[in-house]
Amino acid sequence: MHLPRRMNRAATAFRPERVRIIVAALASGAAVLALTGCAGFEYKEDICSSGEYPVLAVGDTGSACVSDKEDPPAGFVRYPEGKVPQQVDDTWDVYWDTHTLDKDGNIIDIPDAG
């Protein structure tokens, strides 16, 4: 009785067809990863760099970043506690696009902003 060539090989023998399938599967997985990129991972840019804090222009929607070692420059104040934007387009960053502080520290709407 003649056995097919496959049956004569040891179980651990090198099998080119399996290698091709594994390589194809790995290549497909890599392609999917490359095409989807980091879907599900969202990058958020910080408002200020490390060692800085954001300040708001009085009477305007302008803002700036100031060194932790310095006071706000003339015409700027610290954001109210708990209402400080941390990342670009976070809740407070968007809020302060249409609001500001008056000279007395009261929050006011900026009707022409946004």
C-alpha atoms as a PDB file:
ATOM      1  CA  MET A   1       0.000   0.000   0.000  1.00  0.00           C
ATOM      2  CA  HIS A   2       1.321   3.396  -0.958  1.00  0.00           C
ATOM      3  CA  LEU A   3       0.827   6.256   1.534  1.00  0.00           C
ATOM      4  CA  PRO A   4       0.626   9.842   0.341  1.00  0.00           C
ATOM      5  CA  ARG A   5       3.844  11.723   0.767  1.00  0.00           C
ATOM      6  CA  ARG A   6       2.310  13.813   3.526  1.00  0.00           C
ATOM      7  CA  MET A   7       1.739  10.817   5.754  1.00  0.00           C
ATOM      8  CA  ASN A   8       5.381   9.779   5.623  1.00  0.00           C
ATOM      9  CA  ARG A   9       6.699  13.021   7.105  1.00  0.00           C
ATOM     10  CA  ALA A  10       7.219  13.412  10.790  1.00  0.00           C
ATOM     11  CA  ALA A  11       4.702  15.612  12.632  1.00  0.00           C
ATOM     12  CA  THR A  12       7.351  18.272  13.195  1.00  0.00           C
ATOM     13  CA  ALA A  13       8.563  18.403   9.610  1.00  0.00           C
ATOM     14  CA  PHE A  14       8.784  21.775   7.840  1.00  0.00           C
ATOM     15  CA  ARG A  15       5.615  22.344   5.817  1.00  0.00           C
ATOM     16  CA  PRO A  16       5.845  25.224   3.342  1.00  0.00           C
ATOM     17  CA  GLU A  17       2.061  25.461   2.902  1.00  0.00           C
ATOM     18  CA  ARG A  18       1.580  26.117   6.626  1.00  0.00           C
ATOM     19  CA  VAL A  19       4.316  28.727   6.602  1.00  0.00           C
ATOM     20  CA  ARG A  20       2.586  30.498   3.697  1.00  0.00           C
ATOM     21  CA  ILE A  21      -0.728  30.502   5.575  1.00  0.00           C
ATOM     22  CA  ILE A  22       0.874  31.870   8.740  1.00  0.00           C
ATOM     23  CA  VAL A  23       2.768  34.555   6.817  1.00  0.00           C
ATOM     24  CA  ALA A  24      -0.423  35.535   4.968  1.00  0.00           C
ATOM     25  CA  ALA A  25      -2.352  35.758   8.247  1.00  0.00           C
ATOM     26  CA  LEU A  26       0.346  37.909   9.870  1.00  0.00           C
ATOM     27  CA  ALA A  27       0.530  40.175   6.822  1.00  0.00           C
ATOM     28  CA  SER A  28      -3.252  40.579   6.833  1.00  0.00           C
ATOM     29  CA  GLY A  29      -3.230  41.448  10.528  1.00  0.00           C
ATOM     30  CA  ALA A  30      -0.476  44.003   9.999  1.00  0.00           C
ATOM     31  CA  ALA A  31      -2.398  45.553   7.098  1.00  0.00           C
ATOM     32  CA  VAL A  32      -5.558  45.890   9.190  1.00  0.00           C
ATOM     33  CA  LEU A  33      -3.595  47.495  12.012  1.00  0.00           C
ATOM     34  CA  ALA A  34      -1.863  49.899   9.624  1.00  0.00           C
ATOM     35  CA  LEU A  35      -5.124  50.915   7.931  1.00  0.00           C
ATOM     36  CA  THR A  36      -7.072  51.466  11.129  1.00  0.00           C
ATOM     37  CA  GLY A  37      -4.182  53.166  12.872  1.00  0.00           C
ATOM     38  CA  CYS A  38      -4.955  53.844  16.479  1.00  0.00           C
ATOM     39  CA  ALA A  39      -8.725  53.849  16.119  1.00  0.00           C
ATOM     40  CA  GLY A  40     -10.204  54.103  19.569  1.00  0.00           C
ATOM     41  CA  PHE A  41      -7.244  56.064  20.909  1.00  0.00           C
ATOM     42  CA  GLU A  42      -7.860  59.771  20.889  1.00  0.00           C
ATOM     43  CA  TYR A  43      -4.994  62.223  21.215  1.00  0.00           C
ATOM     44  CA  LYS A  44      -5.706  65.301  23.304  1.00  0.00           C
ATOM     45  CA  GLU A  45      -3.337  68.256  23.190  1.00  0.00           C
ATOM     46  CA  ASP A  46      -2.677  70.035  26.466  1.00  0.00           C
ATOM     47  CA  ILE A  47      -3.558  73.720  26.680  1.00  0.00           C
ATOM     48  CA  CYS A  48      -0.172  74.577  28.175  1.00  0.00           C
ATOM     49  CA  SER A  49       3.181  72.859  28.434  1.00  0.00           C
ATOM     50  CA  SER A  50       4.508  71.343  31.627  1.00  0.00           C
ATOM     51  CA  GLY A  51       5.533  74.067  34.060  1.00  0.00           C
ATOM     52  CA  GLU A  52       2.920  76.501  32.742  1.00  0.00           C
ATOM     53  CA  TYR A  53      -0.677  77.416  33.553  1.00  0.00           C
ATOM     54  CA  PRO A  54      -3.382  79.000  31.349  1.00  0.00           C
ATOM     55  CA  VAL A  55      -4.619  82.559  31.871  1.00  0.00           C
ATOM     56  CA  LEU A  56      -7.631  84.353  30.401  1.00  0.00           C
ATOM     57  CA  ALA A  57      -7.732  87.851  28.897  1.00  0.00           C
ATOM     58  CA  VAL A  58     -10.029  90.158  30.867  1.00  0.00           C
ATOM     59  CA  GLY A  59     -13.004  91.240  28.736  1.00  0.00           C
ATOM     60  CA  ASP A  60     -11.932  89.052  25.792  1.00  0.00           C
ATOM     61  CA  THR A  61     -11.723  85.378  24.827  1.00  0.00           C
ATOM     62  CA  GLY A  62      -7.964  85.472  24.408  1.00  0.00           C
ATOM     63  CA  SER A  63      -5.762  83.239  26.508  1.00  0.00           C
ATOM     64  CA  ALA A  64      -2.105  82.563  27.108  1.00  0.00           C
ATOM     65  CA  CYS A  65       0.206  80.278  29.039  1.00  0.00           C
ATOM     66  CA  VAL A  66       2.371  81.616  31.843  1.00  0.00           C
ATOM     67  CA  SER A  67       5.266  80.021  33.675  1.00  0.00           C
ATOM     68  CA  ASP A  68       4.312  78.528  37.044  1.00  0.00           C
ATOM     69  CA  LYS A  69       6.916  80.872  38.544  1.00  0.00           C
ATOM     70  CA  GLU A  70       5.241  84.047  37.221  1.00  0.00           C
ATOM     71  CA  ASP A  71       2.047  86.001  37.858  1.00  0.00           C
ATOM     72  CA  PRO A  72      -0.360  86.634  34.964  1.00  0.00           C
ATOM     73  CA  PRO A  73       0.682  89.567  32.757  1.00  0.00           C
ATOM     74  CA  ALA A  74      -1.331  92.810  32.713  1.00  0.00           C
ATOM     75  CA  GLY A  75      -4.791  92.292  31.226  1.00  0.00           C
ATOM     76  CA  PHE A  76      -4.858  88.560  32.069  1.00  0.00           C
ATOM     77  CA  VAL A  77      -6.146  86.648  35.101  1.00  0.00           C
ATOM     78  CA  ARG A  78      -6.175  83.060  36.265  1.00  0.00           C
ATOM     79  CA  TYR A  79      -9.242  81.056  35.297  1.00  0.00           C
ATOM     80  CA  PRO A  80     -11.810  80.588  38.086  1.00  0.00           C
ATOM     81  CA  GLU A  81     -11.092  77.524  40.227  1.00  0.00           C
ATOM     82  CA  GLY A  82     -12.669  74.398  38.775  1.00  0.00           C
ATOM     83  CA  LYS A  83     -13.177  76.033  35.368  1.00  0.00           C
ATOM     84  CA  VAL A  84      -9.649  75.758  34.011  1.00  0.00           C
ATOM     85  CA  PRO A  85      -9.259  74.220  30.543  1.00  0.00           C
ATOM     86  CA  GLN A  86      -6.773  71.349  30.520  1.00  0.00           C
ATOM     87  CA  GLN A  87      -6.856  70.075  26.910  1.00  0.00           C
ATOM     88  CA  VAL A  88      -7.726  71.712  23.610  1.00  0.00           C
ATOM     89  CA  ASP A  89     -11.474  71.423  22.960  1.00  0.00           C
ATOM     90  CA  ASP A  90     -12.315  70.064  26.422  1.00  0.00           C
ATOM     91  CA  THR A  91     -15.497  71.331  28.128  1.00  0.00           C
ATOM     92  CA  TRP A  92     -13.885  74.424  29.644  1.00  0.00           C
ATOM     93  CA  ASP A  93     -11.859  75.297  26.547  1.00  0.00           C
ATOM     94  CA  VAL A  94     -15.061  75.360  24.490  1.00  0.00           C
ATOM     95  CA  TYR A  95     -16.919  77.252  27.236  1.00  0.00           C
ATOM     96  CA  TRP A  96     -14.338  80.029  27.383  1.00  0.00           C
ATOM     97  CA  ASP A  97     -14.605  80.536  23.613  1.00  0.00           C
ATOM     98  CA  THR A  98     -17.876  82.384  24.283  1.00  0.00           C
ATOM     99  CA  HIS A  99     -17.337  83.623  27.857  1.00  0.00           C
ATOM    100  CA  THR A 100     -14.799  85.707  29.715  1.00  0.00           C
ATOM    101  CA  LEU A 101     -14.277  87.570  32.956  1.00  0.00           C
ATOM    102  CA  ASP A 102     -14.985  91.252  33.438  1.00  0.00           C
ATOM    103  CA  LYS A 103     -12.718  93.597  35.417  1.00  0.00           C
ATOM    104  CA  ASP A 104     -14.519  92.576  38.643  1.00  0.00           C
ATOM    105  CA  GLY A 105     -14.016  88.830  38.065  1.00  0.00           C
ATOM    106  CA  ASN A 106     -17.598  88.116  37.005  1.00  0.00           C
ATOM    107  CA  ILE A 107     -18.215  85.646  34.180  1.00  0.00           C
ATOM    108  CA  ILE A 108     -19.826  87.365  31.197  1.00  0.00           C
ATOM    109  CA  ASP A 109     -21.004  86.201  27.776  1.00  0.00           C
ATOM    110  CA  ILE A 110     -19.216  87.386  24.664  1.00  0.00           C
ATOM    111  CA  PRO A 111     -22.103  87.815  22.195  1.00  0.00           C
ATOM    112  CA  ASP A 112     -19.946  88.097  19.043  1.00  0.00           C
ATOM    113  CA  ALA A 113     -17.686  85.151  19.918  1.00  0.00           C
ATOM    114  CA  GLY A 114     -18.001  81.610  18.624  1.00  0.00           C
END
